[in-house]
Structures are given as C-alpha cells and as structure tokens.
C-alpha cells in the first residue's frame, strides 16, 4: 500500500519506521529540517510530490493544533479513493471535518507517546479505533496495532472523548498540582523522583495539546472529583483520624487493584 504520513515529528517518525518495510511510504513536512532523521521512505516537501505519489492511505501525524489544517492543505493533492486517518488524542472538530471532506476515513488514538512509552515494547499499551470509521481503514489499523501487540478497543467518537477526559485529565491535573507546589530537593526520595520525571515529561508536551485535554467539556467533572477527594483527605489529616485514614487507604487500594 502507498502510505503518506503528514509530519515528521516523533509519532510521524514512529509510524514511518513501523510501516516503511512492508509498504511504500512517504513523509510530507513543510519543514525540510524535520525530514533529516527519517529513512527508508520518500521525503516530500511539496504538494506536487504528494500528487504524483497517489497515496492510498494518509496518516495525519501533525500536532493536534494543526491536525485539521494539515488535512486541508493536502486534500487537493489526494486521489478521491485515498483513506484519511488521524492519530489525534483530541478529536474536537474531526467528526464534522470528515463528514464534509467527502473522503473515507479512519480515526484512531494510540494511547501512548514517545515521552513515556517504550516504543520497542508496547504490549502493555492501548489503542482506540473509532467505530464510525471506514471498514477497510479499521481492518488496516487493527492489523497494524495487533502486530505491535497493542491492546485494541473500539469506541465511538463520543466514547473516546469521555475516556480521554478521564484517563488523561486526572493524571494531567494531578501532575500540574504536584509541579505547582514542589520545591527543590537536594536529596529526593524515590517516589519524589518518579513524580518529578513524570512532571518533566508531561510539561515537555505541546501546550496546545495540554489545553485541549483540559478544556474538554468533560474535564471539569473529573477535576471536581479531585477537589472533593483532597477535601476529604485534608479533613482526615487535620483531625488526625487514624481510623478514617485506614478506611480511606483501604478504599483507594480497592480502586487500583
């Protein structure tokens, strides 16, 4: 299959590496410097090259801020039977875009990223495939994600957004709070160092991505849960309620089984 990948960033390079040995691949990026570190693939910087390539599948790996803009830039150079796909963690605006585009599409979300995941071993990582997607597109990504040993789930756009609001906003906000109150430690403990590594990794992410996760309409409800739990815990601490703390720890241990 001829596959065009938009964007030669971390995830674009990852998909190029994975696909280039079994498919005819090309990477399109308007910044030639970004293409220096991709190999075994065509490297495009113009729409004429995209047009001549005649891709059968397009994987949009542009950052979430530019996902729809990147699609619109290349649409005039694509054959009508090309399947559009995105891997965006935030799907805002994408359902409407796909409806209006007239192209078949497949939307997925690899629930991992180069910041934290070991890309050489993804057996403990997950991927979501959007149920409204084109059948052949879903088959392609199911085969791809199975080959990477990912755990695959099929959700609707609505279910995906609900999942993201829970699984990303809670750790994001918790990490923000940790970062906001932390002070430099000359001799940090193991737990502190682990939290600090997570915070540094998260805060190296694109700010627009963080904004879109936090501004998800469902995020406020999740953050409210954090606030309520902090209030409960603070009450136990202020009262030095030993039994209350035991009960609290017992309850949260059940949550993480």
Protein backbone atom coordinates (compact mmCIF):
# COMPACT_ATOMS: atom_id res chain seq x y z
CA UNK A 1 0.00 0.00 0.00
CA UNK A 2 1.16 3.55 -0.70
CA UNK A 3 1.00 5.44 2.59
CA UNK A 4 1.61 9.14 3.09
CA UNK A 5 2.43 10.36 6.59
CA UNK A 6 1.91 14.01 7.44
CA UNK A 7 4.50 15.37 9.84
CA UNK A 8 7.97 14.06 10.63
CA UNK A 9 7.80 14.58 14.37
CA UNK A 10 8.08 11.85 16.99
CA UNK A 11 4.90 9.98 16.13
CA UNK A 12 5.25 10.56 12.39
CA UNK A 13 8.75 9.09 12.51
CA UNK A 14 7.48 6.19 14.62
CA UNK A 15 4.79 5.27 12.08
CA UNK A 16 7.30 5.64 9.25
CA UNK A 17 9.67 3.24 10.98
CA UNK A 18 6.89 0.73 11.59
CA UNK A 19 5.36 0.83 8.11
CA UNK A 20 8.22 1.51 5.70
CA UNK A 21 9.49 -2.06 5.47
CA UNK A 22 6.13 -3.51 4.40
CA UNK A 23 4.62 -0.62 2.48
CA UNK A 24 5.65 2.11 0.09
CA UNK A 25 5.76 5.12 2.39
CA UNK A 26 6.36 8.84 2.08
CA UNK A 27 6.59 11.59 4.69
CA UNK A 28 5.40 15.10 3.92
CA UNK A 29 6.60 18.00 6.02
CA UNK A 30 6.85 21.66 5.01
CA UNK A 31 9.99 21.95 7.17
CA UNK A 32 12.84 20.12 5.33
CA UNK A 33 14.92 20.02 8.52
CA UNK A 34 12.33 17.69 10.08
CA UNK A 35 12.98 15.12 7.35
CA UNK A 36 16.67 14.65 8.15
CA UNK A 37 16.05 11.76 10.52
CA UNK A 38 13.59 9.64 8.53
CA UNK A 39 14.87 6.82 6.37
CA UNK A 40 13.73 4.04 4.05
CA UNK A 41 10.96 6.33 2.80
CA UNK A 42 10.29 9.13 0.34
CA UNK A 43 10.66 12.62 1.76
CA UNK A 44 8.28 15.23 0.36
CA UNK A 45 8.12 18.98 0.88
CA UNK A 46 5.73 19.96 -1.96
CA UNK A 47 2.16 19.10 -2.88
CA UNK A 48 3.26 18.18 -6.40
CA UNK A 49 5.25 15.31 -4.92
CA UNK A 50 2.21 14.25 -2.91
CA UNK A 51 0.04 14.38 -6.05
CA UNK A 52 2.48 12.23 -8.02
CA UNK A 53 2.71 9.69 -5.18
CA UNK A 54 -1.07 8.97 -5.30
CA UNK A 55 -1.37 7.69 -1.71
CA UNK A 56 -3.98 5.09 -0.84
CA UNK A 57 -3.86 5.95 2.87
CA UNK A 58 -2.91 9.19 4.58
CA UNK A 59 -1.85 9.16 8.25
CA UNK A 60 -2.02 12.61 9.77
CA UNK A 61 0.65 12.82 12.50
CA UNK A 62 0.73 16.61 12.71
CA UNK A 63 0.46 18.06 16.21
CA UNK A 64 -3.10 18.30 17.49
CA UNK A 65 -3.22 22.07 16.94
CA UNK A 66 -2.65 21.61 13.22
CA UNK A 67 -4.41 18.30 12.52
CA UNK A 68 -7.34 19.71 10.54
CA UNK A 69 -5.23 22.43 8.93
CA UNK A 70 -2.75 19.79 7.71
CA UNK A 71 -5.60 17.76 6.22
CA UNK A 72 -6.97 20.77 4.38
CA UNK A 73 -3.56 21.64 2.99
CA UNK A 74 -3.09 18.28 1.26
CA UNK A 75 -6.70 17.41 0.29
CA UNK A 76 -6.41 18.99 -3.20
CA UNK A 77 -3.43 16.71 -3.95
CA UNK A 78 -5.10 13.46 -2.90
CA UNK A 79 -6.93 10.95 -5.10
CA UNK A 80 -10.59 10.60 -4.15
CA UNK A 81 -10.19 6.98 -3.11
CA UNK A 82 -7.50 7.81 -0.53
CA UNK A 83 -8.49 6.97 3.04
CA UNK A 84 -7.83 9.77 5.52
CA UNK A 85 -6.68 8.88 9.02
CA UNK A 86 -5.65 10.68 12.17
CA UNK A 87 -4.00 9.56 15.40
CA UNK A 88 -5.01 12.64 17.40
CA UNK A 89 -5.58 12.36 21.13
CA UNK A 90 -8.15 15.14 20.87
CA UNK A 91 -10.90 14.58 18.30
CA UNK A 92 -12.54 18.02 18.55
CA UNK A 93 -13.80 19.10 15.13
CA UNK A 94 -12.74 15.91 13.38
CA UNK A 95 -16.19 14.25 13.00
CA UNK A 96 -17.53 17.35 11.25
CA UNK A 97 -14.40 17.66 9.12
CA UNK A 98 -14.62 14.06 7.94
CA UNK A 99 -18.31 14.42 7.08
CA UNK A 100 -17.60 17.49 4.99
CA UNK A 101 -14.45 16.15 3.30
CA UNK A 102 -16.16 13.52 1.15
CA UNK A 103 -13.28 11.09 1.82
CA UNK A 104 -13.40 7.77 3.62
CA UNK A 105 -11.67 7.98 6.99
CA UNK A 106 -10.35 6.01 9.93
CA UNK A 107 -9.67 7.70 13.24
CA UNK A 108 -7.54 6.04 15.90
CA UNK A 109 -5.75 7.03 19.09
CA UNK A 110 -2.58 5.21 20.14
CA UNK A 111 -2.81 5.72 23.91
CA UNK A 112 0.92 6.12 24.31
CA UNK A 113 3.58 8.56 23.25
CA UNK A 114 7.34 8.79 22.89
CA UNK A 115 7.62 10.73 26.16
CA UNK A 116 6.80 7.80 28.45
CA UNK A 117 6.23 4.63 26.43
CA UNK A 118 8.92 2.15 25.43
CA UNK A 119 8.31 2.06 21.70
CA UNK A 120 10.20 -1.23 21.41
CA UNK A 121 7.76 -2.95 23.78
CA UNK A 122 4.14 -1.84 23.57
CA UNK A 123 2.43 -4.95 24.91
CA UNK A 124 1.15 -3.05 27.96
CA UNK A 125 -0.11 -0.10 25.91
CA UNK A 126 -3.55 0.51 24.40
CA UNK A 127 -5.03 1.89 21.20
CA UNK A 128 -8.54 3.08 20.39
CA UNK A 129 -10.14 2.73 16.96
CA UNK A 130 -13.19 4.90 16.33
CA UNK A 131 -16.23 2.79 15.45
CA UNK A 132 -17.61 5.26 12.88
CA UNK A 133 -14.52 4.72 10.72
CA UNK A 134 -14.39 3.08 7.29
CA UNK A 135 -14.32 -0.73 7.47
CA UNK A 136 -11.14 -1.20 5.42
CA UNK A 137 -9.41 1.52 7.40
CA UNK A 138 -10.33 -0.21 10.65
CA UNK A 139 -9.01 -3.53 9.34
CA UNK A 140 -5.69 -1.91 8.41
CA UNK A 141 -5.16 -0.35 11.82
CA UNK A 142 -6.33 -3.44 13.68
CA UNK A 143 -3.72 -5.47 11.83
CA UNK A 144 -1.07 -2.81 12.48
CA UNK A 145 -1.83 -2.43 16.17
CA UNK A 146 -2.05 -6.20 16.62
CA UNK A 147 1.41 -6.51 15.08
CA UNK A 148 2.64 -4.05 17.73
CA UNK A 149 0.94 -6.16 20.42
CA UNK A 150 -1.22 -3.24 21.50
CA UNK A 151 -4.49 -3.83 23.33
CA UNK A 152 -7.20 -2.58 20.97
CA UNK A 153 -10.55 -1.04 21.91
CA UNK A 154 -13.27 0.21 19.59
CA UNK A 155 -15.12 3.32 20.78
CA UNK A 156 -17.36 5.88 19.16
CA UNK A 157 -16.13 9.47 18.92
CA UNK A 158 -18.33 10.25 21.95
CA UNK A 159 -16.99 7.34 23.99
CA UNK A 160 -13.42 8.26 23.04
CA UNK A 161 -13.83 11.82 24.31
CA UNK A 162 -15.28 10.54 27.58
CA UNK A 163 -12.36 8.15 28.02
CA UNK A 164 -9.79 10.85 27.29
CA UNK A 165 -11.42 13.21 29.76
CA UNK A 166 -10.96 10.58 32.46
CA UNK A 167 -7.69 8.87 31.57
CA UNK A 168 -5.74 11.99 30.63
CA UNK A 169 -7.23 14.90 32.56
CA UNK A 170 -6.91 13.28 36.00
CA UNK A 171 -3.17 12.47 35.71
CA UNK A 172 -2.53 15.78 33.92
CA UNK A 173 -4.19 17.86 36.66
CA UNK A 174 -2.58 15.80 39.43
CA UNK A 175 0.82 16.37 37.85
CA UNK A 176 0.14 20.09 37.46
CA UNK A 177 -0.69 20.35 41.17
CA UNK A 178 2.44 18.42 42.13
CA UNK A 179 4.53 20.71 39.95
CA UNK A 180 2.88 23.84 41.35
CA UNK A 181 3.68 23.03 44.99
CA UNK A 182 7.01 21.22 44.63
CA UNK A 183 10.25 22.65 45.94
CA UNK A 184 13.81 21.71 45.00
CA UNK A 185 15.12 18.73 46.97
CA UNK A 186 18.84 18.13 47.41
CA UNK A 187 18.24 14.51 48.41
CA UNK A 188 14.90 13.48 46.90
CA UNK A 189 13.35 10.12 47.67
CA UNK A 190 12.50 7.52 45.04
CA UNK A 191 8.79 8.39 44.90
CA UNK A 192 9.56 12.10 44.56
CA UNK A 193 12.00 11.43 41.72
CA UNK A 194 9.44 9.32 39.89
CA UNK A 195 6.81 12.04 40.19
CA UNK A 196 9.33 14.63 39.06
CA UNK A 197 10.23 12.59 35.96
CA UNK A 198 6.55 12.32 35.06
CA UNK A 199 6.07 16.06 35.58
CA UNK A 200 9.04 16.96 33.41
CA UNK A 201 7.84 14.63 30.66
CA UNK A 202 4.29 15.95 30.75
CA UNK A 203 5.36 19.59 30.77
CA UNK A 204 7.55 18.98 27.72
CA UNK A 205 4.39 18.21 25.73
CA UNK A 206 2.86 20.68 23.31
CA UNK A 207 0.94 23.33 25.28
CA UNK A 208 -1.96 23.27 22.85
CA UNK A 209 -2.39 19.53 23.49
CA UNK A 210 -2.48 20.15 27.24
CA UNK A 211 -5.02 22.93 26.70
CA UNK A 212 -7.28 20.76 24.56
CA UNK A 213 -7.22 17.94 27.12
CA UNK A 214 -8.05 20.30 29.99
CA UNK A 215 -10.68 22.25 28.04
CA UNK A 216 -12.53 19.07 27.10
CA UNK A 217 -16.13 19.78 28.28
CA UNK A 218 -15.98 16.62 30.39
CA UNK A 219 -12.74 17.52 32.20
CA UNK A 220 -14.30 19.86 34.76
CA UNK A 221 -16.33 17.00 36.24
CA UNK A 222 -13.16 14.92 36.66
CA UNK A 223 -11.25 17.79 38.28
CA UNK A 224 -14.15 18.30 40.67
CA UNK A 225 -13.65 14.71 41.85
CA UNK A 226 -10.00 15.50 42.64
CA UNK A 227 -11.05 18.57 44.63
CA UNK A 228 -13.58 16.55 46.64
CA UNK A 229 -11.02 13.84 47.42
CA UNK A 230 -8.47 16.43 48.55
CA UNK A 231 -11.09 17.96 50.85
CA UNK A 232 -11.84 14.53 52.35
CA UNK A 233 -8.16 13.73 52.82
CA UNK A 234 -7.40 17.14 54.33
CA UNK A 235 -10.21 16.62 56.82
CA UNK A 236 -8.71 13.28 57.90
CA UNK A 237 -5.24 14.85 58.22
CA UNK A 238 -6.43 17.87 60.22
CA UNK A 239 -8.41 15.63 62.59
CA UNK A 240 -5.54 13.11 62.86
CA UNK A 241 -8.24 10.48 62.30
CA UNK A 242 -6.30 7.20 62.30
CA UNK A 243 -9.32 5.01 61.64
CA UNK A 244 -10.53 7.37 58.95
CA UNK A 245 -7.14 7.16 57.25
CA UNK A 246 -7.16 3.37 57.41
CA UNK A 247 -10.60 3.28 55.85
CA UNK A 248 -9.56 5.79 53.20
CA UNK A 249 -6.43 3.82 52.26
CA UNK A 250 -8.43 0.58 52.17
CA UNK A 251 -10.91 2.19 49.78
CA UNK A 252 -8.32 3.59 47.41
CA UNK A 253 -6.39 0.31 47.39
CA UNK A 254 -9.54 -1.30 46.04
CA UNK A 255 -9.57 1.30 43.24
CA UNK A 256 -6.14 0.37 41.96
CA UNK A 257 -6.44 -3.41 42.03
